[in-house]
PDB file of all heavy atoms in Angstrom:
ATOM      1  N   ALA A   1     286.354 -23.062 106.135  1.00  0.00           N
ATOM      2  CA  ALA A   1     287.435 -24.015 105.912  1.00  0.00           C
ATOM      3  C   ALA A   1     288.558 -23.900 106.942  1.00  0.00           C
ATOM      4  O   ALA A   1     289.538 -24.617 106.860  1.00  0.00           O
ATOM      5  CB  ALA A   1     288.005 -23.801 104.517  1.00  0.00           C
ATOM      6  N   PHE A   2     288.416 -23.013 107.907  1.00  0.00           N
ATOM      7  CA  PHE A   2     289.504 -22.764 108.850  1.00  0.00           C
ATOM      8  C   PHE A   2     289.407 -23.674 110.069  1.00  0.00           C
ATOM      9  O   PHE A   2     288.372 -23.726 110.728  1.00  0.00           O
ATOM     10  CB  PHE A   2     289.507 -21.308 109.297  1.00  0.00           C
ATOM     11  CG  PHE A   2     289.709 -20.350 108.162  1.00  0.00           C
ATOM     12  CD1 PHE A   2     288.667 -19.533 107.747  1.00  0.00           C
ATOM     13  CD2 PHE A   2     290.919 -20.282 107.494  1.00  0.00           C
ATOM     14  CE1 PHE A   2     288.846 -18.661 106.688  1.00  0.00           C
ATOM     15  CE2 PHE A   2     291.103 -19.419 106.437  1.00  0.00           C
ATOM     16  CZ  PHE A   2     290.065 -18.599 106.032  1.00  0.00           C
ATOM     17  N   PRO A   3     290.506 -24.366 110.401  1.00  0.00           N
ATOM     18  CA  PRO A   3     290.477 -25.239 111.572  1.00  0.00           C
ATOM     19  C   PRO A   3     290.764 -24.495 112.883  1.00  0.00           C
ATOM     20  O   PRO A   3     290.714 -25.078 113.946  1.00  0.00           O
ATOM     21  CB  PRO A   3     291.592 -26.253 111.270  1.00  0.00           C
ATOM     22  CG  PRO A   3     292.551 -25.512 110.418  1.00  0.00           C
ATOM     23  CD  PRO A   3     291.715 -24.548 109.600  1.00  0.00           C
ATOM     24  N   TRP A   4     291.052 -23.224 112.817  1.00  0.00           N
ATOM     25  CA  TRP A   4     291.391 -22.433 113.994  1.00  0.00           C
ATOM     26  C   TRP A   4     290.394 -21.310 114.191  1.00  0.00           C
ATOM     27  O   TRP A   4     289.577 -21.020 113.329  1.00  0.00           O
ATOM     28  CB  TRP A   4     292.796 -21.846 113.832  1.00  0.00           C
ATOM     29  CG  TRP A   4     292.885 -20.966 112.602  1.00  0.00           C
ATOM     30  CD1 TRP A   4     292.455 -19.678 112.466  1.00  0.00           C
ATOM     31  CD2 TRP A   4     293.386 -21.343 111.319  1.00  0.00           C
ATOM     32  NE1 TRP A   4     292.671 -19.227 111.187  1.00  0.00           N
ATOM     33  CE2 TRP A   4     293.241 -20.225 110.468  1.00  0.00           C
ATOM     34  CE3 TRP A   4     293.956 -22.502 110.818  1.00  0.00           C
ATOM     35  CZ2 TRP A   4     293.645 -20.250 109.137  1.00  0.00           C
ATOM     36  CZ3 TRP A   4     294.353 -22.519 109.493  1.00  0.00           C
ATOM     37  CH2 TRP A   4     294.200 -21.391 108.673  1.00  0.00           C
ATOM     38  N   ILE A   5     290.517 -20.662 115.356  1.00  0.00           N
ATOM     39  CA  ILE A   5     289.758 -19.434 115.585  1.00  0.00           C
ATOM     40  C   ILE A   5     290.759 -18.289 115.714  1.00  0.00           C
ATOM     41  O   ILE A   5     291.899 -18.510 116.118  1.00  0.00           O
ATOM     42  CB  ILE A   5     288.859 -19.500 116.846  1.00  0.00           C
ATOM     43  CG1 ILE A   5     289.671 -19.727 118.116  1.00  0.00           C
ATOM     44  CG2 ILE A   5     287.774 -20.549 116.673  1.00  0.00           C
ATOM     45  CD1 ILE A   5     288.856 -19.606 119.409  1.00  0.00           C
ATOM     46  N   PRO A   6     290.358 -17.085 115.342  1.00  0.00           N
ATOM     47  CA  PRO A   6     291.276 -15.957 115.510  1.00  0.00           C
ATOM     48  C   PRO A   6     291.442 -15.636 117.000  1.00  0.00           C
ATOM     49  O   PRO A   6     290.530 -15.817 117.795  1.00  0.00           O
ATOM     50  CB  PRO A   6     290.581 -14.805 114.773  1.00  0.00           C
ATOM     51  CG  PRO A   6     289.176 -15.220 114.589  1.00  0.00           C
ATOM     52  CD  PRO A   6     289.106 -16.701 114.707  1.00  0.00           C
ATOM     53  N   SER A   7     292.611 -15.171 117.344  1.00  0.00           N
ATOM     54  CA  SER A   7     292.872 -14.740 118.718  1.00  0.00           C
ATOM     55  C   SER A   7     292.463 -13.269 118.843  1.00  0.00           C
ATOM     56  O   SER A   7     293.284 -12.384 119.079  1.00  0.00           O
ATOM     57  CB  SER A   7     294.350 -14.939 119.067  1.00  0.00           C
ATOM     58  OG  SER A   7     294.682 -16.308 119.026  1.00  0.00           O
ATOM     59  N   VAL A   8     291.175 -13.042 118.660  1.00  0.00           N
ATOM     60  CA  VAL A   8     290.596 -11.697 118.678  1.00  0.00           C
ATOM     61  C   VAL A   8     289.299 -11.750 119.481  1.00  0.00           C
ATOM     62  O   VAL A   8     288.485 -12.648 119.288  1.00  0.00           O
ATOM     63  CB  VAL A   8     290.285 -11.196 117.245  1.00  0.00           C
ATOM     64  CG1 VAL A   8     289.654  -9.818 117.273  1.00  0.00           C
ATOM     65  CG2 VAL A   8     291.541 -11.203 116.394  1.00  0.00           C
ATOM     66  N   VAL A   9     289.121 -10.778 120.377  1.00  0.00           N
ATOM     67  CA  VAL A   9     287.961 -10.750 121.262  1.00  0.00           C
ATOM     68  C   VAL A   9     287.299  -9.380 121.176  1.00  0.00           C
ATOM     69  O   VAL A   9     287.974  -8.357 121.067  1.00  0.00           O
ATOM     70  CB  VAL A   9     288.404 -11.052 122.724  1.00  0.00           C
ATOM     71  CG1 VAL A   9     287.269 -10.892 123.704  1.00  0.00           C
ATOM     72  CG2 VAL A   9     289.006 -12.441 122.817  1.00  0.00           C
ATOM     73  N   SER A  10     285.961  -9.365 121.252  1.00  0.00           N
ATOM     74  CA  SER A  10     285.239  -8.089 121.276  1.00  0.00           C
ATOM     75  C   SER A  10     285.518  -7.384 122.606  1.00  0.00           C
ATOM     76  O   SER A  10     285.668  -8.025 123.641  1.00  0.00           O
ATOM     77  CB  SER A  10     283.740  -8.317 121.101  1.00  0.00           C
ATOM     78  OG  SER A  10     283.247  -9.154 122.124  1.00  0.00           O
ATOM     79  N   ARG A  11     285.569  -6.079 122.561  1.00  0.00           N
ATOM     80  CA  ARG A  11     285.859  -5.309 123.773  1.00  0.00           C
ATOM     81  C   ARG A  11     284.587  -4.848 124.475  1.00  0.00           C
ATOM     82  O   ARG A  11     284.653  -4.357 125.587  1.00  0.00           O
ATOM     83  CB  ARG A  11     286.721  -4.096 123.426  1.00  0.00           C
ATOM     84  CG  ARG A  11     288.113  -4.513 122.958  1.00  0.00           C
ATOM     85  CD  ARG A  11     289.069  -3.363 122.922  1.00  0.00           C
ATOM     86  NE  ARG A  11     289.263  -2.833 124.263  1.00  0.00           N
ATOM     87  CZ  ARG A  11     289.633  -1.587 124.514  1.00  0.00           C
ATOM     88  NH1 ARG A  11     289.832  -0.739 123.529  1.00  0.00           N
ATOM     89  NH2 ARG A  11     289.798  -1.178 125.738  1.00  0.00           N
ATOM     90  N   THR A  12     283.458  -4.965 123.814  1.00  0.00           N
ATOM     91  CA  THR A  12     282.195  -4.561 124.423  1.00  0.00           C
ATOM     92  C   THR A  12     281.305  -5.789 124.571  1.00  0.00           C
ATOM     93  O   THR A  12     281.393  -6.721 123.781  1.00  0.00           O
ATOM     94  CB  THR A  12     281.475  -3.509 123.560  1.00  0.00           C
ATOM     95  OG1 THR A  12     281.285  -4.043 122.251  1.00  0.00           O
ATOM     96  CG2 THR A  12     282.285  -2.224 123.471  1.00  0.00           C
ATOM     97  N   PRO A  13     280.445  -5.791 125.573  1.00  0.00           N
ATOM     98  CA  PRO A  13     279.578  -6.964 125.787  1.00  0.00           C
ATOM     99  C   PRO A  13     278.705  -7.228 124.575  1.00  0.00           C
ATOM    100  O   PRO A  13     278.259  -6.287 123.922  1.00  0.00           O
ATOM    101  CB  PRO A  13     278.738  -6.566 127.000  1.00  0.00           C
ATOM    102  CG  PRO A  13     279.577  -5.547 127.713  1.00  0.00           C
ATOM    103  CD  PRO A  13     280.316  -4.800 126.634  1.00  0.00           C
ATOM    104  N   PRO A  14     278.469  -8.475 124.248  1.00  0.00           N
ATOM    105  CA  PRO A  14     279.015  -9.640 124.949  1.00  0.00           C
ATOM    106  C   PRO A  14     280.465  -9.886 124.532  1.00  0.00           C
ATOM    107  O   PRO A  14     280.779  -9.906 123.344  1.00  0.00           O
ATOM    108  CB  PRO A  14     278.109 -10.781 124.497  1.00  0.00           C
ATOM    109  CG  PRO A  14     277.649 -10.373 123.129  1.00  0.00           C
ATOM    110  CD  PRO A  14     277.571  -8.864 123.158  1.00  0.00           C
ATOM    111  N   ILE A  15     281.331 -10.046 125.525  1.00  0.00           N
ATOM    112  CA  ILE A  15     282.739 -10.333 125.265  1.00  0.00           C
ATOM    113  C   ILE A  15     282.820 -11.738 124.676  1.00  0.00           C
ATOM    114  O   ILE A  15     282.390 -12.700 125.293  1.00  0.00           O
ATOM    115  CB  ILE A  15     283.580 -10.238 126.563  1.00  0.00           C
ATOM    116  CG1 ILE A  15     283.362  -8.888 127.254  1.00  0.00           C
ATOM    117  CG2 ILE A  15     285.046 -10.506 126.275  1.00  0.00           C
ATOM    118  CD1 ILE A  15     283.731  -7.680 126.436  1.00  0.00           C
ATOM    119  N   ASP A  16     283.334 -11.849 123.464  1.00  0.00           N
ATOM    120  CA  ASP A  16     283.368 -13.132 122.777  1.00  0.00           C
ATOM    121  C   ASP A  16     284.441 -13.096 121.696  1.00  0.00           C
ATOM    122  O   ASP A  16     284.925 -12.023 121.323  1.00  0.00           O
ATOM    123  CB  ASP A  16     282.007 -13.419 122.143  1.00  0.00           C
ATOM    124  CG  ASP A  16     281.752 -14.897 121.943  1.00  0.00           C
ATOM    125  OD1 ASP A  16     282.666 -15.704 122.200  1.00  0.00           O
ATOM    126  OD2 ASP A  16     280.652 -15.248 121.500  1.00  0.00           O
ATOM    127  N   VAL A  17     284.796 -14.264 121.186  1.00  0.00           N
ATOM    128  CA  VAL A  17     285.729 -14.354 120.063  1.00  0.00           C
ATOM    129  C   VAL A  17     285.049 -13.745 118.839  1.00  0.00           C
ATOM    130  O   VAL A  17     283.866 -13.985 118.593  1.00  0.00           O
ATOM    131  CB  VAL A  17     286.111 -15.827 119.798  1.00  0.00           C
ATOM    132  CG1 VAL A  17     286.871 -15.976 118.489  1.00  0.00           C
ATOM    133  CG2 VAL A  17     286.938 -16.376 120.957  1.00  0.00           C
ATOM    134  N   VAL A  18     285.793 -12.940 118.092  1.00  0.00           N
ATOM    135  CA  VAL A  18     285.268 -12.288 116.891  1.00  0.00           C
ATOM    136  C   VAL A  18     285.974 -12.894 115.686  1.00  0.00           C
ATOM    137  O   VAL A  18     287.182 -12.790 115.548  1.00  0.00           O
ATOM    138  CB  VAL A  18     285.507 -10.759 116.928  1.00  0.00           C
ATOM    139  CG1 VAL A  18     284.964 -10.106 115.677  1.00  0.00           C
ATOM    140  CG2 VAL A  18     284.911 -10.153 118.176  1.00  0.00           C
ATOM    141  N   GLU A  19     285.185 -13.532 114.820  1.00  0.00           N
ATOM    142  CA  GLU A  19     285.789 -14.223 113.678  1.00  0.00           C
ATOM    143  C   GLU A  19     285.967 -13.322 112.466  1.00  0.00           C
ATOM    144  O   GLU A  19     286.937 -13.453 111.744  1.00  0.00           O
ATOM    145  CB  GLU A  19     284.933 -15.436 113.311  1.00  0.00           C
ATOM    146  CG  GLU A  19     284.814 -16.360 114.503  1.00  0.00           C
ATOM    147  CD  GLU A  19     284.967 -17.812 114.171  1.00  0.00           C
ATOM    148  OE1 GLU A  19     285.678 -18.152 113.219  1.00  0.00           O
ATOM    149  OE2 GLU A  19     284.372 -18.602 114.895  1.00  0.00           O
ATOM    150  N   ASN A  20     285.057 -12.419 112.210  1.00  0.00           N
ATOM    151  CA  ASN A  20     285.148 -11.527 111.054  1.00  0.00           C
ATOM    152  C   ASN A  20     285.416 -10.107 111.550  1.00  0.00           C
ATOM    153  O   ASN A  20     284.544  -9.249 111.530  1.00  0.00           O
ATOM    154  CB  ASN A  20     283.857 -11.590 110.231  1.00  0.00           C
ATOM    155  CG  ASN A  20     283.624 -12.979 109.688  1.00  0.00           C
ATOM    156  OD1 ASN A  20     284.532 -13.575 109.128  1.00  0.00           O
ATOM    157  ND2 ASN A  20     282.430 -13.507 109.872  1.00  0.00           N
ATOM    158  N   PHE A  21     286.631  -9.881 111.971  1.00  0.00           N
ATOM    159  CA  PHE A  21     286.979  -8.621 112.631  1.00  0.00           C
ATOM    160  C   PHE A  21     287.673  -7.622 111.710  1.00  0.00           C
ATOM    161  O   PHE A  21     287.870  -6.473 112.090  1.00  0.00           O
ATOM    162  CB  PHE A  21     287.891  -8.896 113.828  1.00  0.00           C
ATOM    163  CG  PHE A  21     289.202  -9.524 113.446  1.00  0.00           C
ATOM    164  CD1 PHE A  21     290.302  -8.738 113.191  1.00  0.00           C
ATOM    165  CD2 PHE A  21     289.311 -10.900 113.335  1.00  0.00           C
ATOM    166  CE1 PHE A  21     291.508  -9.316 112.821  1.00  0.00           C
ATOM    167  CE2 PHE A  21     290.521 -11.479 112.973  1.00  0.00           C
ATOM    168  CZ  PHE A  21     291.619 -10.691 112.722  1.00  0.00           C
ATOM    169  N   GLU A  22     288.042  -8.048 110.509  1.00  0.00           N
ATOM    170  CA  GLU A  22     288.847  -7.197 109.632  1.00  0.00           C
ATOM    171  C   GLU A  22     288.211  -5.846 109.334  1.00  0.00           C
ATOM    172  O   GLU A  22     288.896  -4.854 109.182  1.00  0.00           O
ATOM    173  CB  GLU A  22     289.156  -7.919 108.306  1.00  0.00           C
ATOM    174  CG  GLU A  22     290.065  -9.114 108.449  1.00  0.00           C
ATOM    175  CD  GLU A  22     289.315 -10.398 108.832  1.00  0.00           C
ATOM    176  OE1 GLU A  22     288.071 -10.388 108.931  1.00  0.00           O
ATOM    177  OE2 GLU A  22     289.990 -11.414 109.042  1.00  0.00           O
ATOM    178  N   SER A  23     286.883  -5.796 109.265  1.00  0.00           N
ATOM    179  CA  SER A  23     286.212  -4.542 108.921  1.00  0.00           C
ATOM    180  C   SER A  23     285.833  -3.721 110.160  1.00  0.00           C
ATOM    181  O   SER A  23     285.303  -2.625 110.033  1.00  0.00           O
ATOM    182  CB  SER A  23     284.951  -4.836 108.106  1.00  0.00           C
ATOM    183  OG  SER A  23     284.044  -5.598 108.875  1.00  0.00           O
ATOM    184  N   LEU A  24     286.119  -4.234 111.346  1.00  0.00           N
ATOM    185  CA  LEU A  24     285.758  -3.530 112.581  1.00  0.00           C
ATOM    186  C   LEU A  24     286.851  -2.542 112.984  1.00  0.00           C
ATOM    187  O   LEU A  24     288.027  -2.737 112.691  1.00  0.00           O
ATOM    188  CB  LEU A  24     285.524  -4.535 113.711  1.00  0.00           C
ATOM    189  CG  LEU A  24     284.387  -5.530 113.490  1.00  0.00           C
ATOM    190  CD1 LEU A  24     284.361  -6.554 114.614  1.00  0.00           C
ATOM    191  CD2 LEU A  24     283.054  -4.810 113.379  1.00  0.00           C
ATOM    192  N   GLU A  25     286.449  -1.499 113.670  1.00  0.00           N
ATOM    193  CA  GLU A  25     287.400  -0.511 114.184  1.00  0.00           C
ATOM    194  C   GLU A  25     288.262  -1.152 115.264  1.00  0.00           C
ATOM    195  O   GLU A  25     287.800  -2.019 116.007  1.00  0.00           O
ATOM    196  CB  GLU A  25     286.656   0.704 114.764  1.00  0.00           C
ATOM    197  CG  GLU A  25     285.854   1.474 113.740  1.00  0.00           C
ATOM    198  CD  GLU A  25     286.744   2.130 112.704  1.00  0.00           C
ATOM    199  OE1 GLU A  25     287.836   2.621 113.052  1.00  0.00           O
ATOM    200  OE2 GLU A  25     286.346   2.155 111.520  1.00  0.00           O
ATOM    201  N   SER A  26     289.492  -0.708 115.378  1.00  0.00           N
ATOM    202  CA  SER A  26     290.429  -1.319 116.326  1.00  0.00           C
ATOM    203  C   SER A  26     290.016  -1.137 117.786  1.00  0.00           C
ATOM    204  O   SER A  26     290.406  -1.927 118.630  1.00  0.00           O
ATOM    205  CB  SER A  26     291.837  -0.769 116.113  1.00  0.00           C
ATOM    206  OG  SER A  26     291.851   0.621 116.335  1.00  0.00           O
ATOM    207  N   ASP A  27     289.212  -0.111 118.086  1.00  0.00           N
ATOM    208  CA  ASP A  27     288.799   0.081 119.482  1.00  0.00           C
ATOM    209  C   ASP A  27     287.621  -0.826 119.866  1.00  0.00           C
ATOM    210  O   ASP A  27     287.234  -0.889 121.030  1.00  0.00           O
ATOM    211  CB  ASP A  27     288.457   1.547 119.762  1.00  0.00           C
ATOM    212  CG  ASP A  27     287.300   2.058 118.925  1.00  0.00           C
ATOM    213  OD1 ASP A  27     287.003   1.459 117.867  1.00  0.00           O
ATOM    214  OD2 ASP A  27     286.690   3.058 119.333  1.00  0.00           O
ATOM    215  N   VAL A  28     287.071  -1.560 118.914  1.00  0.00           N
ATOM    216  CA  VAL A  28     285.938  -2.463 119.160  1.00  0.00           C
ATOM    217  C   VAL A  28     286.425  -3.870 119.502  1.00  0.00           C
ATOM    218  O   VAL A  28     285.742  -4.630 120.160  1.00  0.00           O
ATOM    219  CB  VAL A  28     285.008  -2.504 117.922  1.00  0.00           C
ATOM    220  CG1 VAL A  28     283.870  -3.482 118.100  1.00  0.00           C
ATOM    221  CG2 VAL A  28     284.477  -1.111 117.620  1.00  0.00           C
ATOM    222  N   VAL A  29     287.630  -4.219 119.055  1.00  0.00           N
ATOM    223  CA  VAL A  29     288.169  -5.557 119.278  1.00  0.00           C
ATOM    224  C   VAL A  29     289.537  -5.475 119.952  1.00  0.00           C
ATOM    225  O   VAL A  29     290.233  -4.460 119.865  1.00  0.00           O
ATOM    226  CB  VAL A  29     288.298  -6.354 117.953  1.00  0.00           C
ATOM    227  CG1 VAL A  29     286.942  -6.627 117.348  1.00  0.00           C
ATOM    228  CG2 VAL A  29     289.207  -5.653 116.971  1.00  0.00           C
ATOM    229  N   LEU A  30     289.878  -6.560 120.620  1.00  0.00           N
ATOM    230  CA  LEU A  30     291.200  -6.693 121.207  1.00  0.00           C
ATOM    231  C   LEU A  30     291.894  -7.823 120.452  1.00  0.00           C
ATOM    232  O   LEU A  30     291.524  -8.986 120.576  1.00  0.00           O
ATOM    233  CB  LEU A  30     291.107  -7.019 122.701  1.00  0.00           C
ATOM    234  CG  LEU A  30     292.432  -7.167 123.435  1.00  0.00           C
ATOM    235  CD1 LEU A  30     293.236  -5.872 123.354  1.00  0.00           C
ATOM    236  CD2 LEU A  30     292.196  -7.545 124.882  1.00  0.00           C
ATOM    237  N   GLU A  31     292.857  -7.432 119.614  1.00  0.00           N
ATOM    238  CA  GLU A  31     293.600  -8.413 118.835  1.00  0.00           C
ATOM    239  C   GLU A  31     294.835  -8.848 119.609  1.00  0.00           C
ATOM    240  O   GLU A  31     295.442  -8.065 120.321  1.00  0.00           O
ATOM    241  CB  GLU A  31     294.039  -7.810 117.501  1.00  0.00           C
ATOM    242  CG  GLU A  31     292.896  -7.475 116.576  1.00  0.00           C
ATOM    243  CD  GLU A  31     293.376  -6.955 115.233  1.00  0.00           C
ATOM    244  OE1 GLU A  31     294.249  -7.609 114.630  1.00  0.00           O
ATOM    245  OE2 GLU A  31     292.884  -5.906 114.812  1.00  0.00           O
TER     246      GLU A  31
END
């Protein structure tokens, strides 16, 4: 239902937008 994407990117390849990042460790994503 969300019209936006989170401004969060994975830090390891493949570098991409991460939508369900809440359960990931902070060193895995760049918020």
